[in-house]
Amino acid sequence: MKLQIGDVLLVETVSDPTGQNLKTRPVVLVSDVEQLYGVAVSTQFDLPLQAHEVLLYDGKTRNRTGLSKPCVALCDWVVGFEVSQIVKKLGHVMPHQQTAITNNLNQQ
């Protein structure tokens, strides 16, 4: 599977931000140098969005992320993973979403 920065991947054995609750979660790939890193995706968010959140799908507009529920990329929840943990590629974020994620990560 060819991977690109901005791919939305379903990754198994990803823990929550406290290191607990391992499960299969969607992740946006943000780095593929030496080890894979991504930011976790969550359906748990409120409007207005917090500074570390990037809206990926609002449940209304056309969607190429492959995500089926309103969700955000949580830029303060970075996860490392191996290729063997990838269940499948769901889709890809839009360029403006990738820019927002990258800018958010650069500010941390």
C-alpha atoms as a PDB file:
ATOM      1  CA  MET A   1       0.000   0.000   0.000  1.00  0.00           C
ATOM      2  CA  LYS A   2       1.412   3.368  -1.035  1.00  0.00           C
ATOM      3  CA  LEU A   3       1.029   5.936   1.732  1.00  0.00           C
ATOM      4  CA  GLN A   4       0.926   9.721   1.452  1.00  0.00           C
ATOM      5  CA  ILE A   5       0.866  12.476   4.043  1.00  0.00           C
ATOM      6  CA  GLY A   6      -2.810  13.303   4.586  1.00  0.00           C
ATOM      7  CA  ASP A   7      -4.081   9.753   4.136  1.00  0.00           C
ATOM      8  CA  VAL A   8      -6.865   8.785   6.508  1.00  0.00           C
ATOM      9  CA  LEU A   9      -5.982   5.319   7.771  1.00  0.00           C
ATOM     10  CA  LEU A  10      -7.775   2.840  10.003  1.00  0.00           C
ATOM     11  CA  VAL A  11      -5.073   1.732  12.457  1.00  0.00           C
ATOM     12  CA  GLU A  12      -5.383  -1.047  15.027  1.00  0.00           C
ATOM     13  CA  THR A  13      -4.142  -1.013  18.635  1.00  0.00           C
ATOM     14  CA  VAL A  14      -4.110   2.777  19.036  1.00  0.00           C
ATOM     15  CA  SER A  15      -4.415   3.930  22.647  1.00  0.00           C
ATOM     16  CA  ASP A  16      -6.365   6.916  23.907  1.00  0.00           C
ATOM     17  CA  PRO A  17      -4.412  10.037  24.985  1.00  0.00           C
ATOM     18  CA  THR A  18      -3.836   8.530  28.450  1.00  0.00           C
ATOM     19  CA  GLY A  19      -2.264   5.357  27.029  1.00  0.00           C
ATOM     20  CA  GLN A  20      -5.350   3.239  27.783  1.00  0.00           C
ATOM     21  CA  ASN A  21      -8.242   1.747  25.781  1.00  0.00           C
ATOM     22  CA  LEU A  22      -6.425   0.169  22.823  1.00  0.00           C
ATOM     23  CA  LYS A  23      -8.686  -0.088  19.789  1.00  0.00           C
ATOM     24  CA  THR A  24      -8.856   0.412  16.043  1.00  0.00           C
ATOM     25  CA  ARG A  25      -9.076   4.148  15.300  1.00  0.00           C
ATOM     26  CA  PRO A  26      -8.898   6.446  12.283  1.00  0.00           C
ATOM     27  CA  VAL A  27      -5.656   8.421  12.031  1.00  0.00           C
ATOM     28  CA  VAL A  28      -4.472  11.119   9.595  1.00  0.00           C
ATOM     29  CA  LEU A  29      -0.907  10.382   8.460  1.00  0.00           C
ATOM     30  CA  VAL A  30       1.375  13.355   9.206  1.00  0.00           C
ATOM     31  CA  SER A  31       4.877  11.843   8.894  1.00  0.00           C
ATOM     32  CA  ASP A  32       6.318   8.812   7.129  1.00  0.00           C
ATOM     33  CA  VAL A  33      10.011   9.341   7.865  1.00  0.00           C
ATOM     34  CA  GLU A  34      11.531   6.278   9.617  1.00  0.00           C
ATOM     35  CA  GLN A  35       8.343   5.615  11.641  1.00  0.00           C
ATOM     36  CA  LEU A  36       4.751   6.459  10.798  1.00  0.00           C
ATOM     37  CA  TYR A  37       3.037   9.183  12.829  1.00  0.00           C
ATOM     38  CA  GLY A  38      -0.487  10.464  12.644  1.00  0.00           C
ATOM     39  CA  VAL A  39      -3.036  12.500  14.523  1.00  0.00           C
ATOM     40  CA  ALA A  40      -6.036  10.670  15.912  1.00  0.00           C
ATOM     41  CA  VAL A  41      -9.546  11.365  14.666  1.00  0.00           C
ATOM     42  CA  SER A  42     -12.503  11.714  17.022  1.00  0.00           C
ATOM     43  CA  THR A  43     -16.254  12.119  16.763  1.00  0.00           C
ATOM     44  CA  GLN A  44     -16.274  13.721  20.222  1.00  0.00           C
ATOM     45  CA  PHE A  45     -16.099  17.503  19.785  1.00  0.00           C
ATOM     46  CA  ASP A  46     -18.080  20.680  20.375  1.00  0.00           C
ATOM     47  CA  LEU A  47     -18.518  23.842  18.365  1.00  0.00           C
ATOM     48  CA  PRO A  48     -16.747  26.160  18.291  1.00  0.00           C
ATOM     49  CA  LEU A  49     -13.712  23.961  17.714  1.00  0.00           C
ATOM     50  CA  GLN A  50     -10.722  24.191  20.045  1.00  0.00           C
ATOM     51  CA  ALA A  51      -7.394  25.429  18.674  1.00  0.00           C
ATOM     52  CA  HIS A  52      -5.956  21.886  18.349  1.00  0.00           C
ATOM     53  CA  GLU A  53      -8.969  20.526  16.399  1.00  0.00           C
ATOM     54  CA  VAL A  54      -9.379  20.488  12.613  1.00  0.00           C
ATOM     55  CA  LEU A  55     -12.799  19.666  11.164  1.00  0.00           C
ATOM     56  CA  LEU A  56     -12.507  16.739   8.746  1.00  0.00           C
ATOM     57  CA  TYR A  57     -16.159  16.011   8.032  1.00  0.00           C
ATOM     58  CA  ASP A  58     -19.247  17.902   9.116  1.00  0.00           C
ATOM     59  CA  GLY A  59     -21.768  15.237   8.122  1.00  0.00           C
ATOM     60  CA  LYS A  60     -23.240  17.453   5.403  1.00  0.00           C
ATOM     61  CA  THR A  61     -20.695  18.370   2.740  1.00  0.00           C
ATOM     62  CA  ARG A  62     -19.200  16.030   0.169  1.00  0.00           C
ATOM     63  CA  ASN A  63     -16.489  13.964   1.734  1.00  0.00           C
ATOM     64  CA  ARG A  64     -13.348  12.253   0.403  1.00  0.00           C
ATOM     65  CA  THR A  65     -11.906  11.324   3.803  1.00  0.00           C
ATOM     66  CA  GLY A  66     -13.829   8.031   3.929  1.00  0.00           C
ATOM     67  CA  LEU A  67     -15.172   9.004   7.354  1.00  0.00           C
ATOM     68  CA  SER A  68     -18.910   8.556   7.849  1.00  0.00           C
ATOM     69  CA  LYS A  69     -19.628  10.676  10.934  1.00  0.00           C
ATOM     70  CA  PRO A  70     -18.851  14.296  11.822  1.00  0.00           C
ATOM     71  CA  CYS A  71     -15.303  14.296  13.201  1.00  0.00           C
ATOM     72  CA  VAL A  72     -12.133  16.253  13.875  1.00  0.00           C
ATOM     73  CA  ALA A  73      -8.403  15.613  13.733  1.00  0.00           C
ATOM     74  CA  LEU A  74      -6.997  16.078  17.238  1.00  0.00           C
ATOM     75  CA  CYS A  75      -3.597  17.648  16.654  1.00  0.00           C
ATOM     76  CA  ASP A  76      -2.640  17.260  20.333  1.00  0.00           C
ATOM     77  CA  TRP A  77      -3.063  13.460  20.059  1.00  0.00           C
ATOM     78  CA  VAL A  78      -0.127  12.232  17.959  1.00  0.00           C
ATOM     79  CA  VAL A  79       0.287   8.469  17.616  1.00  0.00           C
ATOM     80  CA  GLY A  80       3.138   6.374  16.272  1.00  0.00           C
ATOM     81  CA  PHE A  81       2.352   3.144  14.456  1.00  0.00           C
ATOM     82  CA  GLU A  82       3.759   0.489  12.137  1.00  0.00           C
ATOM     83  CA  VAL A  83       2.596  -0.421   8.627  1.00  0.00           C
ATOM     84  CA  SER A  84       1.470  -3.790  10.020  1.00  0.00           C
ATOM     85  CA  GLN A  85      -1.123  -1.984  12.196  1.00  0.00           C
ATOM     86  CA  ILE A  86      -2.903  -0.429   9.202  1.00  0.00           C
ATOM     87  CA  VAL A  87      -6.219  -2.159   8.571  1.00  0.00           C
ATOM     88  CA  LYS A  88      -7.058  -0.099   5.482  1.00  0.00           C
ATOM     89  CA  LYS A  89      -6.863   3.290   3.844  1.00  0.00           C
ATOM     90  CA  LEU A  90     -10.160   5.153   4.187  1.00  0.00           C
ATOM     91  CA  GLY A  91      -9.436   8.255   2.102  1.00  0.00           C
ATOM     92  CA  HIS A  92      -7.483  11.490   2.120  1.00  0.00           C
ATOM     93  CA  VAL A  93      -7.947  14.914   3.703  1.00  0.00           C
ATOM     94  CA  MET A  94      -8.467  18.027   1.581  1.00  0.00           C
ATOM     95  CA  PRO A  95      -5.426  20.305   1.061  1.00  0.00           C
ATOM     96  CA  HIS A  96      -6.811  23.025   3.367  1.00  0.00           C
ATOM     97  CA  GLN A  97      -7.314  20.428   6.107  1.00  0.00           C
ATOM     98  CA  GLN A  98      -3.751  19.127   5.719  1.00  0.00           C
ATOM     99  CA  THR A  99      -2.416  22.690   5.887  1.00  0.00           C
ATOM    100  CA  ALA A 100      -4.411  23.345   9.067  1.00  0.00           C
ATOM    101  CA  ILE A 101      -3.120  20.118  10.661  1.00  0.00           C
ATOM    102  CA  THR A 102       0.498  20.890   9.708  1.00  0.00           C
ATOM    103  CA  ASN A 103       0.242  24.480  10.966  1.00  0.00           C
ATOM    104  CA  ASN A 104      -1.285  23.263  14.214  1.00  0.00           C
ATOM    105  CA  LEU A 105       1.505  20.716  14.750  1.00  0.00           C
ATOM    106  CA  ASN A 106       4.162  23.347  13.997  1.00  0.00           C
ATOM    107  CA  GLN A 107       2.730  25.607  16.712  1.00  0.00           C
ATOM    108  CA  GLN A 108       2.999  22.946  19.434  1.00  0.00           C
END
